[in-house]
Amino acid sequence: MQQRKLGRPTAHRLLMLRGLVTAFLEHGKITTTKERAKETQRLAERMITLGKKGTIAARRQANRIITKEDVLTKLFEEIAPVYAERNGGYTRVIKLAERRGDAAPMAVLELVD
């Protein structure tokens, strides 16, 4: 599967996505552009799957993406156990109206209950 470039150099794009995933897992919901939401969704789903494994190796892999230790702990102790019986589809992207300044398509990324 090909990754979206999002108009950024590789290093900047990866740092931006790490920040978005960390903020998403910290708050459970973020509002961003539709394309960023879709890319963040891919990474967040992988992090929740790692959280479901619960091993030390999985925690170390997730630590490479998640930038805050308390969010990593929250992922493994609170978020992942909720989805233990679910085989994917932990998040959803809901489209919103276009942003007023530049008419960029906006979306909300949230955890599924």
PDB file of N, CA and C in Angstrom:
ATOM      1  N   MET A   1       0.842  -1.180   0.000  1.00  0.00           N
ATOM      2  CA  MET A   1       0.000   0.000   0.000  1.00  0.00           C
ATOM      3  C   MET A   1       0.887   1.243   0.000  1.00  0.00           C
ATOM      4  N   GLN A   2       0.578   2.180  -0.844  1.00  0.00           N
ATOM      5  CA  GLN A   2       1.402   3.379  -0.973  1.00  0.00           C
ATOM      6  C   GLN A   2       1.014   4.431   0.060  1.00  0.00           C
ATOM      7  N   GLN A   3       2.021   5.123   0.540  1.00  0.00           N
ATOM      8  CA  GLN A   3       1.806   6.153   1.536  1.00  0.00           C
ATOM      9  C   GLN A   3       1.615   7.504   0.863  1.00  0.00           C
ATOM     10  N   ARG A   4       0.714   8.319   1.399  1.00  0.00           N
ATOM     11  CA  ARG A   4       0.503   9.665   0.871  1.00  0.00           C
ATOM     12  C   ARG A   4       1.684  10.551   1.246  1.00  0.00           C
ATOM     13  N   LYS A   5       2.048  11.464   0.362  1.00  0.00           N
ATOM     14  CA  LYS A   5       3.195  12.330   0.628  1.00  0.00           C
ATOM     15  C   LYS A   5       2.815  13.575   1.414  1.00  0.00           C
ATOM     16  N   LEU A   6       1.575  14.020   1.301  1.00  0.00           N
ATOM     17  CA  LEU A   6       1.049  15.151   2.068  1.00  0.00           C
ATOM     18  C   LEU A   6       1.844  16.437   1.864  1.00  0.00           C
ATOM     19  N   GLY A   7       2.541  16.561   0.746  1.00  0.00           N
ATOM     20  CA  GLY A   7       3.254  17.783   0.429  1.00  0.00           C
ATOM     21  C   GLY A   7       4.399  18.114   1.370  1.00  0.00           C
ATOM     22  N   ARG A   8       5.010  17.104   1.961  1.00  0.00           N
ATOM     23  CA  ARG A   8       6.074  17.313   2.932  1.00  0.00           C
ATOM     24  C   ARG A   8       7.260  16.410   2.595  1.00  0.00           C
ATOM     25  N   PRO A   9       8.475  16.826   2.970  1.00  0.00           N
ATOM     26  CA  PRO A   9       9.607  15.901   2.874  1.00  0.00           C
ATOM     27  C   PRO A   9       9.397  14.721   3.820  1.00  0.00           C
ATOM     28  N   THR A  10      10.048  13.629   3.564  1.00  0.00           N
ATOM     29  CA  THR A  10       9.821  12.400   4.321  1.00  0.00           C
ATOM     30  C   THR A  10       9.968  12.587   5.820  1.00  0.00           C
ATOM     31  N   ALA A  11      11.050  13.193   6.256  1.00  0.00           N
ATOM     32  CA  ALA A  11      11.293  13.348   7.697  1.00  0.00           C
ATOM     33  C   ALA A  11      10.208  14.191   8.350  1.00  0.00           C
ATOM     34  N   HIS A  12       9.823  15.285   7.698  1.00  0.00           N
ATOM     35  CA  HIS A  12       8.783  16.154   8.248  1.00  0.00           C
ATOM     36  C   HIS A  12       7.445  15.430   8.317  1.00  0.00           C
ATOM     37  N   ARG A  13       7.125  14.674   7.243  1.00  0.00           N
ATOM     38  CA  ARG A  13       5.869  13.932   7.203  1.00  0.00           C
ATOM     39  C   ARG A  13       5.799  12.894   8.326  1.00  0.00           C
ATOM     40  N   LEU A  14       6.878  12.154   8.536  1.00  0.00           N
ATOM     41  CA  LEU A  14       6.878  11.127   9.579  1.00  0.00           C
ATOM     42  C   LEU A  14       6.758  11.742  10.968  1.00  0.00           C
ATOM     43  N   LEU A  15       7.441  12.868  11.200  1.00  0.00           N
ATOM     44  CA  LEU A  15       7.315  13.536  12.490  1.00  0.00           C
ATOM     45  C   LEU A  15       5.906  14.064  12.713  1.00  0.00           C
ATOM     46  N   MET A  16       5.305  14.612  11.659  1.00  0.00           N
ATOM     47  CA  MET A  16       3.946  15.118  11.756  1.00  0.00           C
ATOM     48  C   MET A  16       2.974  13.985  12.098  1.00  0.00           C
ATOM     49  N   LEU A  17       3.123  12.842  11.425  1.00  0.00           N
ATOM     50  CA  LEU A  17       2.240  11.704  11.678  1.00  0.00           C
ATOM     51  C   LEU A  17       2.434  11.147  13.086  1.00  0.00           C
ATOM     52  N   ARG A  18       3.686  11.116  13.560  1.00  0.00           N
ATOM     53  CA  ARG A  18       3.930  10.665  14.939  1.00  0.00           C
ATOM     54  C   ARG A  18       3.205  11.564  15.927  1.00  0.00           C
ATOM     55  N   GLY A  19       3.269  12.874  15.693  1.00  0.00           N
ATOM     56  CA  GLY A  19       2.585  13.822  16.570  1.00  0.00           C
ATOM     57  C   GLY A  19       1.078  13.660  16.520  1.00  0.00           C
ATOM     58  N   LEU A  20       0.541  13.450  15.309  1.00  0.00           N
ATOM     59  CA  LEU A  20      -0.907  13.264  15.171  1.00  0.00           C
ATOM     60  C   LEU A  20      -1.379  11.982  15.861  1.00  0.00           C
ATOM     61  N   VAL A  21      -0.633  10.891  15.696  1.00  0.00           N
ATOM     62  CA  VAL A  21      -1.013   9.622  16.329  1.00  0.00           C
ATOM     63  C   VAL A  21      -0.966   9.756  17.852  1.00  0.00           C
ATOM     64  N   THR A  22       0.074  10.405  18.363  1.00  0.00           N
ATOM     65  CA  THR A  22       0.200  10.590  19.806  1.00  0.00           C
ATOM     66  C   THR A  22      -0.959  11.422  20.338  1.00  0.00           C
ATOM     67  N   ALA A  23      -1.288  12.522  19.659  1.00  0.00           N
ATOM     68  CA  ALA A  23      -2.397  13.373  20.086  1.00  0.00           C
ATOM     69  C   ALA A  23      -3.723  12.624  19.998  1.00  0.00           C
ATOM     70  N   PHE A  24      -3.888  11.837  18.936  1.00  0.00           N
ATOM     71  CA  PHE A  24      -5.121  11.070  18.765  1.00  0.00           C
ATOM     72  C   PHE A  24      -5.310  10.068  19.892  1.00  0.00           C
ATOM     73  N   LEU A  25      -4.273   9.310  20.220  1.00  0.00           N
ATOM     74  CA  LEU A  25      -4.394   8.307  21.278  1.00  0.00           C
ATOM     75  C   LEU A  25      -4.531   8.966  22.647  1.00  0.00           C
ATOM     76  N   GLU A  26      -3.974  10.157  22.806  1.00  0.00           N
ATOM     77  CA  GLU A  26      -4.081  10.868  24.074  1.00  0.00           C
ATOM     78  C   GLU A  26      -5.503  11.372  24.303  1.00  0.00           C
ATOM     79  N   HIS A  27      -6.133  11.913  23.260  1.00  0.00           N
ATOM     80  CA  HIS A  27      -7.448  12.541  23.407  1.00  0.00           C
ATOM     81  C   HIS A  27      -8.602  11.679  22.909  1.00  0.00           C
ATOM     82  N   GLY A  28      -8.321  10.676  22.088  1.00  0.00           N
ATOM     83  CA  GLY A  28      -9.370   9.804  21.567  1.00  0.00           C
ATOM     84  C   GLY A  28     -10.076  10.358  20.343  1.00  0.00           C
ATOM     85  N   LYS A  29      -9.725  11.593  19.939  1.00  0.00           N
ATOM     86  CA  LYS A  29     -10.408  12.243  18.830  1.00  0.00           C
ATOM     87  C   LYS A  29      -9.571  13.440  18.378  1.00  0.00           C
ATOM     88  N   ILE A  30      -9.419  13.614  17.057  1.00  0.00           N
ATOM     89  CA  ILE A  30      -8.744  14.806  16.543  1.00  0.00           C
ATOM     90  C   ILE A  30      -9.466  15.293  15.292  1.00  0.00           C
ATOM     91  N   THR A  31      -9.361  16.585  15.029  1.00  0.00           N
ATOM     92  CA  THR A  31      -9.895  17.182  13.812  1.00  0.00           C
ATOM     93  C   THR A  31      -8.711  17.648  12.973  1.00  0.00           C
ATOM     94  N   THR A  32      -8.668  17.195  11.740  1.00  0.00           N
ATOM     95  CA  THR A  32      -7.564  17.530  10.829  1.00  0.00           C
ATOM     96  C   THR A  32      -8.076  17.425   9.403  1.00  0.00           C
ATOM     97  N   THR A  33      -7.191  17.567   8.417  1.00  0.00           N
ATOM     98  CA  THR A  33      -7.632  17.414   7.035  1.00  0.00           C
ATOM     99  C   THR A  33      -7.920  15.936   6.751  1.00  0.00           C
ATOM    100  N   LYS A  34      -8.723  15.698   5.736  1.00  0.00           N
ATOM    101  CA  LYS A  34      -9.147  14.333   5.418  1.00  0.00           C
ATOM    102  C   LYS A  34      -7.959  13.425   5.106  1.00  0.00           C
ATOM    103  N   GLU A  35      -7.006  13.907   4.322  1.00  0.00           N
ATOM    104  CA  GLU A  35      -5.855  13.079   3.944  1.00  0.00           C
ATOM    105  C   GLU A  35      -4.982  12.760   5.153  1.00  0.00           C
ATOM    106  N   ARG A  36      -4.739  13.743   6.000  1.00  0.00           N
ATOM    107  CA  ARG A  36      -3.956  13.492   7.208  1.00  0.00           C
ATOM    108  C   ARG A  36      -4.683  12.519   8.131  1.00  0.00           C
ATOM    109  N   ALA A  37      -5.998  12.649   8.210  1.00  0.00           N
ATOM    110  CA  ALA A  37      -6.784  11.745   9.063  1.00  0.00           C
ATOM    111  C   ALA A  37      -6.661  10.303   8.579  1.00  0.00           C
ATOM    112  N   LYS A  38      -6.689  10.107   7.267  1.00  0.00           N
ATOM    113  CA  LYS A  38      -6.587   8.748   6.726  1.00  0.00           C
ATOM    114  C   LYS A  38      -5.211   8.143   6.994  1.00  0.00           C
ATOM    115  N   GLU A  39      -4.158   8.931   6.856  1.00  0.00           N
ATOM    116  CA  GLU A  39      -2.818   8.425   7.141  1.00  0.00           C
ATOM    117  C   GLU A  39      -2.644   8.157   8.634  1.00  0.00           C
ATOM    118  N   THR A  40      -3.173   9.047   9.459  1.00  0.00           N
ATOM    119  CA  THR A  40      -3.089   8.866  10.909  1.00  0.00           C
ATOM    120  C   THR A  40      -3.868   7.629  11.326  1.00  0.00           C
ATOM    121  N   GLN A  41      -4.987   7.389  10.666  1.00  0.00           N
ATOM    122  CA  GLN A  41      -5.802   6.210  10.961  1.00  0.00           C
ATOM    123  C   GLN A  41      -5.004   4.928  10.737  1.00  0.00           C
ATOM    124  N   ARG A  42      -4.250   4.861   9.646  1.00  0.00           N
ATOM    125  CA  ARG A  42      -3.446   3.664   9.359  1.00  0.00           C
ATOM    126  C   ARG A  42      -2.461   3.388  10.486  1.00  0.00           C
ATOM    127  N   LEU A  43      -1.761   4.437  10.926  1.00  0.00           N
ATOM    128  CA  LEU A  43      -0.757   4.260  11.966  1.00  0.00           C
ATOM    129  C   LEU A  43      -1.399   3.941  13.319  1.00  0.00           C
ATOM    130  N   ALA A  44      -2.508   4.616  13.631  1.00  0.00           N
ATOM    131  CA  ALA A  44      -3.185   4.399  14.915  1.00  0.00           C
ATOM    132  C   ALA A  44      -3.713   2.969  15.023  1.00  0.00           C
ATOM    133  N   GLU A  45      -4.252   2.447  13.927  1.00  0.00           N
ATOM    134  CA  GLU A  45      -4.752   1.063  13.941  1.00  0.00           C
ATOM    135  C   GLU A  45      -3.605   0.091  14.224  1.00  0.00           C
ATOM    136  N   ARG A  46      -2.444   0.354  13.636  1.00  0.00           N
ATOM    137  CA  ARG A  46      -1.278  -0.496  13.902  1.00  0.00           C
ATOM    138  C   ARG A  46      -0.865  -0.416  15.364  1.00  0.00           C
ATOM    139  N   MET A  47      -0.909   0.780  15.946  1.00  0.00           N
ATOM    140  CA  MET A  47      -0.516   0.946  17.348  1.00  0.00           C
ATOM    141  C   MET A  47      -1.478   0.200  18.277  1.00  0.00           C
ATOM    142  N   ILE A  48      -2.765   0.247  17.980  1.00  0.00           N
ATOM    143  CA  ILE A  48      -3.743  -0.466  18.813  1.00  0.00           C
ATOM    144  C   ILE A  48      -3.537  -1.966  18.687  1.00  0.00           C
ATOM    145  N   THR A  49      -3.224  -2.445  17.487  1.00  0.00           N
ATOM    146  CA  THR A  49      -2.938  -3.870  17.299  1.00  0.00           C
ATOM    147  C   THR A  49      -1.714  -4.278  18.111  1.00  0.00           C
ATOM    148  N   LEU A  50      -0.680  -3.436  18.134  1.00  0.00           N
ATOM    149  CA  LEU A  50       0.492  -3.722  18.965  1.00  0.00           C
ATOM    150  C   LEU A  50       0.106  -3.726  20.443  1.00  0.00           C
ATOM    151  N   GLY A  51      -0.763  -2.800  20.823  1.00  0.00           N
ATOM    152  CA  GLY A  51      -1.225  -2.746  22.212  1.00  0.00           C
ATOM    153  C   GLY A  51      -1.972  -4.007  22.616  1.00  0.00           C
ATOM    154  N   LYS A  52      -2.706  -4.591  21.674  1.00  0.00           N
ATOM    155  CA  LYS A  52      -3.430  -5.830  21.965  1.00  0.00           C
ATOM    156  C   LYS A  52      -2.471  -6.994  22.204  1.00  0.00           C
ATOM    157  N   LYS A  53      -1.309  -6.989  21.532  1.00  0.00           N
ATOM    158  CA  LYS A  53      -0.328  -8.051  21.761  1.00  0.00           C
ATOM    159  C   LYS A  53       0.208  -7.987  23.179  1.00  0.00           C
ATOM    160  N   GLY A  54       0.512  -6.782  23.642  1.00  0.00           N
ATOM    161  CA  GLY A  54       0.925  -6.584  25.030  1.00  0.00           C
ATOM    162  C   GLY A  54       2.314  -7.083  25.398  1.00  0.00           C
ATOM    163  N   THR A  55       3.134  -7.427  24.429  1.00  0.00           N
ATOM    164  CA  THR A  55       4.472  -7.929  24.741  1.00  0.00           C
ATOM    165  C   THR A  55       5.460  -6.769  24.865  1.00  0.00           C
ATOM    166  N   ILE A  56       6.628  -7.079  25.399  1.00  0.00           N
ATOM    167  CA  ILE A  56       7.694  -6.076  25.509  1.00  0.00           C
ATOM    168  C   ILE A  56       8.126  -5.621  24.116  1.00  0.00           C
ATOM    169  N   ALA A  57       8.239  -6.553  23.179  1.00  0.00           N
ATOM    170  CA  ALA A  57       8.635  -6.210  21.815  1.00  0.00           C
ATOM    171  C   ALA A  57       7.604  -5.281  21.173  1.00  0.00           C
ATOM    172  N   ALA A  58       6.330  -5.559  21.394  1.00  0.00           N
ATOM    173  CA  ALA A  58       5.273  -4.712  20.841  1.00  0.00           C
ATOM    174  C   ALA A  58       5.327  -3.315  21.468  1.00  0.00           C
ATOM    175  N   ARG A  59       5.596  -3.244  22.759  1.00  0.00           N
ATOM    176  CA  ARG A  59       5.699  -1.952  23.444  1.00  0.00           C
ATOM    177  C   ARG A  59       6.871  -1.143  22.875  1.00  0.00           C
ATOM    178  N   ARG A  60       7.979  -1.809  22.591  1.00  0.00           N
ATOM    179  CA  ARG A  60       9.139  -1.111  22.027  1.00  0.00           C
ATOM    180  C   ARG A  60       8.858  -0.627  20.611  1.00  0.00           C
ATOM    181  N   GLN A  61       8.138  -1.419  19.831  1.00  0.00           N
ATOM    182  CA  GLN A  61       7.774  -0.996  18.482  1.00  0.00           C
ATOM    183  C   GLN A  61       6.847   0.215  18.524  1.00  0.00           C
ATOM    184  N   ALA A  62       5.874   0.189  19.423  1.00  0.00           N
ATOM    185  CA  ALA A  62       4.951   1.310  19.559  1.00  0.00           C
ATOM    186  C   ALA A  62       5.674   2.552  20.065  1.00  0.00           C
ATOM    187  N   ASN A  63       6.687   2.356  20.890  1.00  0.00           N
ATOM    188  CA  ASN A  63       7.450   3.477  21.446  1.00  0.00           C
ATOM    189  C   ASN A  63       8.208   4.237  20.353  1.00  0.00           C
ATOM    190  N   ARG A  64       8.471   3.594  19.218  1.00  0.00           N
ATOM    191  CA  ARG A  64       9.137   4.284  18.114  1.00  0.00           C
ATOM    192  C   ARG A  64       8.224   5.315  17.465  1.00  0.00           C
ATOM    193  N   ILE A  65       6.914   5.127  17.565  1.00  0.00           N
ATOM    194  CA  ILE A  65       5.939   6.036  16.949  1.00  0.00           C
ATOM    195  C   ILE A  65       5.371   7.015  17.976  1.00  0.00           C
ATOM    196  N   ILE A  66       4.965   6.511  19.130  1.00  0.00           N
ATOM    197  CA  ILE A  66       4.311   7.346  20.148  1.00  0.00           C
ATOM    198  C   ILE A  66       5.379   8.116  20.913  1.00  0.00           C
ATOM    199  N   THR A  67       5.188   9.424  21.020  1.00  0.00           N
ATOM    200  CA  THR A  67       6.234  10.289  21.560  1.00  0.00           C
ATOM    201  C   THR A  67       6.116  10.551  23.060  1.00  0.00           C
ATOM    202  N   LYS A  68       5.020  10.169  23.694  1.00  0.00           N
ATOM    203  CA  LYS A  68       4.841  10.425  25.125  1.00  0.00           C
ATOM    204  C   LYS A  68       4.684   9.099  25.874  1.00  0.00           C
ATOM    205  N   GLU A  69       5.413   8.973  26.965  1.00  0.00           N
ATOM    206  CA  GLU A  69       5.386   7.729  27.749  1.00  0.00           C
ATOM    207  C   GLU A  69       4.005   7.466  28.352  1.00  0.00           C
ATOM    208  N   ASP A  70       3.325   8.521  28.836  1.00  0.00           N
ATOM    209  CA  ASP A  70       2.008   8.317  29.446  1.00  0.00           C
ATOM    210  C   ASP A  70       0.964   7.886  28.410  1.00  0.00           C
ATOM    211  N   VAL A  71       1.112   8.319  27.163  1.00  0.00           N
ATOM    212  CA  VAL A  71       0.199   7.882  26.099  1.00  0.00           C
ATOM    213  C   VAL A  71       0.473   6.423  25.755  1.00  0.00           C
ATOM    214  N   LEU A  72       1.732   6.018  25.775  1.00  0.00           N
ATOM    215  CA  LEU A  72       2.086   4.622  25.528  1.00  0.00           C
ATOM    216  C   LEU A  72       1.469   3.720  26.603  1.00  0.00           C
ATOM    217  N   THR A  73       1.568   4.148  27.849  1.00  0.00           N
ATOM    218  CA  THR A  73       0.965   3.399  28.954  1.00  0.00           C
ATOM    219  C   THR A  73      -0.551   3.330  28.792  1.00  0.00           C
ATOM    220  N   LYS A  74      -1.163   4.450  28.427  1.00  0.00           N
ATOM    221  CA  LYS A  74      -2.619   4.486  28.216  1.00  0.00           C
ATOM    222  C   LYS A  74      -3.030   3.523  27.105  1.00  0.00           C
ATOM    223  N   LEU A  75      -2.234   3.479  26.030  1.00  0.00           N
ATOM    224  CA  LEU A  75      -2.531   2.576  24.920  1.00  0.00           C
ATOM    225  C   LEU A  75      -2.552   1.124  25.380  1.00  0.00           C
ATOM    226  N   PHE A  76      -1.523   0.714  26.105  1.00  0.00           N
ATOM    227  CA  PHE A  76      -1.409  -0.691  26.493  1.00  0.00           C
ATOM    228  C   PHE A  76      -2.326  -1.077  27.644  1.00  0.00           C
ATOM    229  N   GLU A  77      -2.670  -0.143  28.528  1.00  0.00           N
ATOM    230  CA  GLU A  77      -3.464  -0.492  29.712  1.00  0.00           C
ATOM    231  C   GLU A  77      -4.939  -0.132  29.604  1.00  0.00           C
ATOM    232  N   GLU A  78      -5.299   0.875  28.802  1.00  0.00           N
ATOM    233  CA  GLU A  78      -6.695   1.307  28.732  1.00  0.00           C
ATOM    234  C   GLU A  78      -7.331   1.087  27.354  1.00  0.00           C
ATOM    235  N   ILE A  79      -6.655   1.542  26.302  1.00  0.00           N
ATOM    236  CA  ILE A  79      -7.271   1.519  24.973  1.00  0.00           C
ATOM    237  C   ILE A  79      -7.305   0.109  24.384  1.00  0.00           C
ATOM    238  N   ALA A  80      -6.166  -0.573  24.354  1.00  0.00           N
ATOM    239  CA  ALA A  80      -6.081  -1.890  23.711  1.00  0.00           C
ATOM    240  C   ALA A  80      -6.998  -2.943  24.339  1.00  0.00           C
ATOM    241  N   PRO A  81      -7.118  -3.034  25.668  1.00  0.00           N
ATOM    242  CA  PRO A  81      -8.018  -4.044  26.231  1.00  0.00           C
ATOM    243  C   PRO A  81      -9.486  -3.873  25.822  1.00  0.00           C
ATOM    244  N   VAL A  82      -9.906  -2.650  25.510  1.00  0.00           N
ATOM    245  CA  VAL A  82     -11.286  -2.413  25.077  1.00  0.00           C
ATOM    246  C   VAL A  82     -11.556  -3.115  23.745  1.00  0.00           C
ATOM    247  N   TYR A  83     -10.523  -3.197  22.892  1.00  0.00           N
ATOM    248  CA  TYR A  83     -10.673  -3.785  21.565  1.00  0.00           C
ATOM    249  C   TYR A  83     -10.126  -5.203  21.483  1.00  0.00           C
ATOM    250  N   ALA A  84     -10.003  -5.888  22.599  1.00  0.00           N
ATOM    251  CA  ALA A  84      -9.418  -7.233  22.627  1.00  0.00           C
ATOM    252  C   ALA A  84     -10.194  -8.223  21.749  1.00  0.00           C
ATOM    253  N   GLU A  85     -11.502  -8.093  21.677  1.00  0.00           N
ATOM    254  CA  GLU A  85     -12.333  -9.020  20.910  1.00  0.00           C
ATOM    255  C   GLU A  85     -12.557  -8.561  19.478  1.00  0.00           C
ATOM    256  N   ARG A  86     -12.043  -7.404  19.118  1.00  0.00           N
ATOM    257  CA  ARG A  86     -12.288  -6.828  17.795  1.00  0.00           C
ATOM    258  C   ARG A  86     -11.096  -7.091  16.878  1.00  0.00           C
ATOM    259  N   ASN A  87     -11.342  -7.429  15.623  1.00  0.00           N
ATOM    260  CA  ASN A  87     -10.282  -7.778  14.689  1.00  0.00           C
ATOM    261  C   ASN A  87      -9.900  -6.643  13.752  1.00  0.00           C
ATOM    262  N   GLY A  88     -10.021  -5.429  14.169  1.00  0.00           N
ATOM    263  CA  GLY A  88      -9.681  -4.291  13.326  1.00  0.00           C
ATOM    264  C   GLY A  88     -10.822  -3.304  13.303  1.00  0.00           C
ATOM    265  N   GLY A  89     -10.625  -2.184  12.637  1.00  0.00           N
ATOM    266  CA  GLY A  89     -11.673  -1.167  12.561  1.00  0.00           C
ATOM    267  C   GLY A  89     -11.861  -0.467  13.891  1.00  0.00           C
ATOM    268  N   TYR A  90     -10.759  -0.075  14.521  1.00  0.00           N
ATOM    269  CA  TYR A  90     -10.828   0.557  15.836  1.00  0.00           C
ATOM    270  C   TYR A  90     -11.129   2.043  15.735  1.00  0.00           C
ATOM    271  N   THR A  91     -10.968   2.620  14.538  1.00  0.00           N
ATOM    272  CA  THR A  91     -11.143   4.052  14.351  1.00  0.00           C
ATOM    273  C   THR A  91     -12.084   4.321  13.185  1.00  0.00           C
ATOM    274  N   ARG A  92     -12.575   5.561  13.119  1.00  0.00           N
ATOM    275  CA  ARG A  92     -13.393   5.967  11.979  1.00  0.00           C
ATOM    276  C   ARG A  92     -13.081   7.409  11.617  1.00  0.00           C
ATOM    277  N   VAL A  93     -13.227   7.712  10.330  1.00  0.00           N
ATOM    278  CA  VAL A  93     -13.026   9.069   9.825  1.00  0.00           C
ATOM    279  C   VAL A  93     -14.391   9.595   9.404  1.00  0.00           C
ATOM    280  N   ILE A  94     -14.783  10.725   9.995  1.00  0.00           N
ATOM    281  CA  ILE A  94     -16.059  11.359   9.661  1.00  0.00           C
ATOM    282  C   ILE A  94     -15.750  12.668   8.936  1.00  0.00           C
ATOM    283  N   LYS A  95     -16.261  12.814   7.728  1.00  0.00           N
ATOM    284  CA  LYS A  95     -15.986  14.010   6.938  1.00  0.00           C
ATOM    285  C   LYS A  95     -16.777  15.205   7.474  1.00  0.00           C
ATOM    286  N   LEU A  96     -16.126  16.367   7.446  1.00  0.00           N
ATOM    287  CA  LEU A  96     -16.736  17.619   7.872  1.00  0.00           C
ATOM    288  C   LEU A  96     -16.794  18.578   6.689  1.00  0.00           C
ATOM    289  N   ALA A  97     -17.274  19.794   6.942  1.00  0.00           N
ATOM    290  CA  ALA A  97     -17.291  20.831   5.917  1.00  0.00           C
ATOM    291  C   ALA A  97     -15.859  21.257   5.587  1.00  0.00           C
ATOM    292  N   GLU A  98     -15.698  21.944   4.493  1.00  0.00           N
ATOM    293  CA  GLU A  98     -14.373  22.411   4.102  1.00  0.00           C
ATOM    294  C   GLU A  98     -13.905  23.527   5.024  1.00  0.00           C
ATOM    295  N   ARG A  99     -12.588  23.621   5.209  1.00  0.00           N
ATOM    296  CA  ARG A  99     -12.003  24.663   6.041  1.00  0.00           C
ATOM    297  C   ARG A  99     -12.213  26.007   5.357  1.00  0.00           C
ATOM    298  N   ARG A 100     -12.521  27.019   6.142  1.00  0.00           N
ATOM    299  CA  ARG A 100     -12.898  28.310   5.589  1.00  0.00           C
ATOM    300  C   ARG A 100     -11.746  29.022   4.880  1.00  0.00           C
ATOM    301  N   GLY A 101     -10.556  28.933   5.421  1.00  0.00           N
ATOM    302  CA  GLY A 101      -9.436  29.681   4.864  1.00  0.00           C
ATOM    303  C   GLY A 101      -8.982  29.217   3.499  1.00  0.00           C
ATOM    304  N   ASP A 102      -8.810  27.904   3.324  1.00  0.00           N
ATOM    305  CA  ASP A 102      -8.268  27.397   2.059  1.00  0.00           C
ATOM    306  C   ASP A 102      -9.130  26.306   1.427  1.00  0.00           C
ATOM    307  N   ALA A 103     -10.311  26.094   1.957  1.00  0.00           N
ATOM    308  CA  ALA A 103     -11.267  25.115   1.423  1.00  0.00           C
ATOM    309  C   ALA A 103     -10.712  23.694   1.430  1.00  0.00           C
ATOM    310  N   ALA A 104      -9.824  23.383   2.390  1.00  0.00           N
ATOM    311  CA  ALA A 104      -9.309  22.019   2.514  1.00  0.00           C
ATOM    312  C   ALA A 104     -10.395  21.128   3.117  1.00  0.00           C
ATOM    313  N   PRO A 105     -10.585  19.923   2.593  1.00  0.00           N
ATOM    314  CA  PRO A 105     -11.588  19.020   3.170  1.00  0.00           C
ATOM    315  C   PRO A 105     -11.155  18.586   4.570  1.00  0.00           C
ATOM    316  N   MET A 106     -12.023  18.772   5.550  1.00  0.00           N
ATOM    317  CA  MET A 106     -11.722  18.462   6.942  1.00  0.00           C
ATOM    318  C   MET A 106     -12.411  17.163   7.354  1.00  0.00           C
ATOM    319  N   ALA A 107     -11.883  16.550   8.424  1.00  0.00           N
ATOM    320  CA  ALA A 107     -12.453  15.303   8.928  1.00  0.00           C
ATOM    321  C   ALA A 107     -12.122  15.158  10.399  1.00  0.00           C
ATOM    322  N   VAL A 108     -12.935  14.356  11.087  1.00  0.00           N
ATOM    323  CA  VAL A 108     -12.693  14.001  12.480  1.00  0.00           C
ATOM    324  C   VAL A 108     -12.281  12.535  12.517  1.00  0.00           C
ATOM    325  N   LEU A 109     -11.198  12.254  13.192  1.00  0.00           N
ATOM    326  CA  LEU A 109     -10.752  10.879  13.405  1.00  0.00           C
ATOM    327  C   LEU A 109     -11.058  10.538  14.857  1.00  0.00           C
ATOM    328  N   GLU A 110     -11.800   9.456  15.082  1.00  0.00           N
ATOM    329  CA  GLU A 110     -12.174   9.107  16.450  1.00  0.00           C
ATOM    330  C   GLU A 110     -12.132   7.604  16.656  1.00  0.00           C
ATOM    331  N   LEU A 111     -12.011   7.216  17.920  1.00  0.00           N
ATOM    332  CA  LEU A 111     -12.044   5.799  18.277  1.00  0.00           C
ATOM    333  C   LEU A 111     -13.489   5.309  18.221  1.00  0.00           C
ATOM    334  N   VAL A 112     -13.683   4.092  17.753  1.00  0.00           N
ATOM    335  CA  VAL A 112     -15.010   3.486  17.716  1.00  0.00           C
ATOM    336  C   VAL A 112     -15.338   2.990  19.117  1.00  0.00           C
ATOM    337  N   ASP A 113     -16.560   3.200  19.535  1.00  0.00           N
ATOM    338  CA  ASP A 113     -16.967   2.757  20.888  1.00  0.00           C
ATOM    339  C   ASP A 113     -17.144   1.261  20.949  1.00  0.00           C
TER     340      ASP A 113
END
